[in-house]
Amino acid sequence: MARVSEWRERARAVIRQVIVDNPDANDAEFKKLLSAAYPFGKRESHPYKIWLNECKRARQIPVVKDRSIRHYWGECER
């Protein structure tokens, strides 16, 4: 199995924390929370692309009841 990049692991950890801290956030709020949580400094290059990809995956999880940390873990494994 291929190793997950350090950038992707860090992005997923931050996104998981946003999910845990804000379980009742609607889609618009969730998007703003993710944007505010960006952990890599400048929004450019490879780390930013990884962040955007992981945020997109997290936002595709169905809203409210299904957007749980458990569901996100399952999405990361795919």
Protein backbone atom coordinates (compact mmCIF):
# COMPACT_ATOMS: atom_id res chain seq x y z
CA MET A 1 0.00 0.00 0.00
CA ALA A 2 1.30 3.46 -0.90
CA ARG A 3 2.34 5.78 1.88
CA VAL A 4 0.18 8.88 2.41
CA SER A 5 2.15 12.11 2.05
CA GLU A 6 3.00 14.22 5.09
CA TRP A 7 1.02 17.14 3.62
CA ARG A 8 -2.07 14.98 3.22
CA GLU A 9 -1.75 13.53 6.74
CA ARG A 10 -1.45 17.02 8.23
CA ALA A 11 -4.38 18.31 6.18
CA ARG A 12 -6.57 15.39 7.26
CA ALA A 13 -5.67 15.93 10.92
CA VAL A 14 -6.72 19.58 10.75
CA ILE A 15 -9.94 18.74 8.89
CA ARG A 16 -10.80 16.01 11.41
CA GLN A 17 -10.36 18.54 14.21
CA VAL A 18 -12.66 21.03 12.45
CA ILE A 19 -15.28 18.27 12.14
CA VAL A 20 -14.95 17.31 15.82
CA ASP A 21 -15.08 20.92 17.02
CA ASN A 22 -18.04 21.92 14.82
CA PRO A 23 -20.38 18.95 14.40
CA ASP A 24 -23.45 21.12 13.73
CA ALA A 25 -21.93 23.40 11.09
CA ASN A 26 -23.92 23.71 7.89
CA ASP A 27 -22.18 23.58 4.49
CA ALA A 28 -21.44 27.32 4.29
CA GLU A 29 -20.12 27.43 7.84
CA PHE A 30 -18.06 24.29 7.30
CA LYS A 31 -16.44 25.79 4.20
CA LYS A 32 -15.52 28.97 6.12
CA LEU A 33 -14.17 26.96 9.05
CA LEU A 34 -11.99 24.90 6.74
CA SER A 35 -10.66 28.01 5.05
CA ALA A 36 -9.80 29.59 8.41
CA ALA A 37 -8.04 26.40 9.55
CA TYR A 38 -5.54 26.28 6.65
CA PRO A 39 -2.29 25.11 8.28
CA PHE A 40 0.47 25.58 5.68
CA GLY A 41 1.28 29.31 5.47
CA LYS A 42 1.04 30.68 1.93
CA ARG A 43 -1.78 29.35 -0.19
CA GLU A 44 0.31 28.13 -3.10
CA SER A 45 2.08 25.14 -4.57
CA HIS A 46 1.73 21.48 -3.68
CA PRO A 47 0.61 21.79 -0.02
CA TYR A 48 -2.24 24.10 -1.03
CA LYS A 49 -3.38 21.71 -3.78
CA ILE A 50 -3.39 18.85 -1.28
CA TRP A 51 -5.39 20.99 1.17
CA LEU A 52 -7.97 21.88 -1.48
CA ASN A 53 -8.31 18.22 -2.47
CA GLU A 54 -8.86 17.10 1.13
CA CYS A 55 -11.33 19.93 1.77
CA LYS A 56 -13.28 18.93 -1.31
CA ARG A 57 -13.45 15.33 -0.07
CA ALA A 58 -14.61 16.48 3.36
CA ARG A 59 -17.30 18.78 1.91
CA GLN A 60 -18.70 15.91 -0.20
CA ILE A 61 -19.73 14.07 2.97
CA PRO A 62 -23.50 14.51 3.38
CA VAL A 63 -24.48 17.33 5.71
CA VAL A 64 -24.99 17.34 9.47
CA LYS A 65 -25.87 13.83 10.69
CA ASP A 66 -23.55 12.00 8.30
CA ARG A 67 -20.66 14.45 8.55
CA SER A 68 -19.05 12.73 11.45
CA ILE A 69 -15.48 11.94 12.26
CA ARG A 70 -16.23 8.27 11.72
CA HIS A 71 -17.53 8.94 8.21
CA TYR A 72 -14.52 11.12 7.40
CA TRP A 73 -12.09 8.40 8.50
CA GLY A 74 -13.83 6.03 6.09
CA GLU A 75 -13.48 8.54 3.25
CA CYS A 76 -9.76 8.94 3.95
CA GLU A 77 -9.18 5.22 3.64
CA ARG A 78 -10.43 5.15 0.05
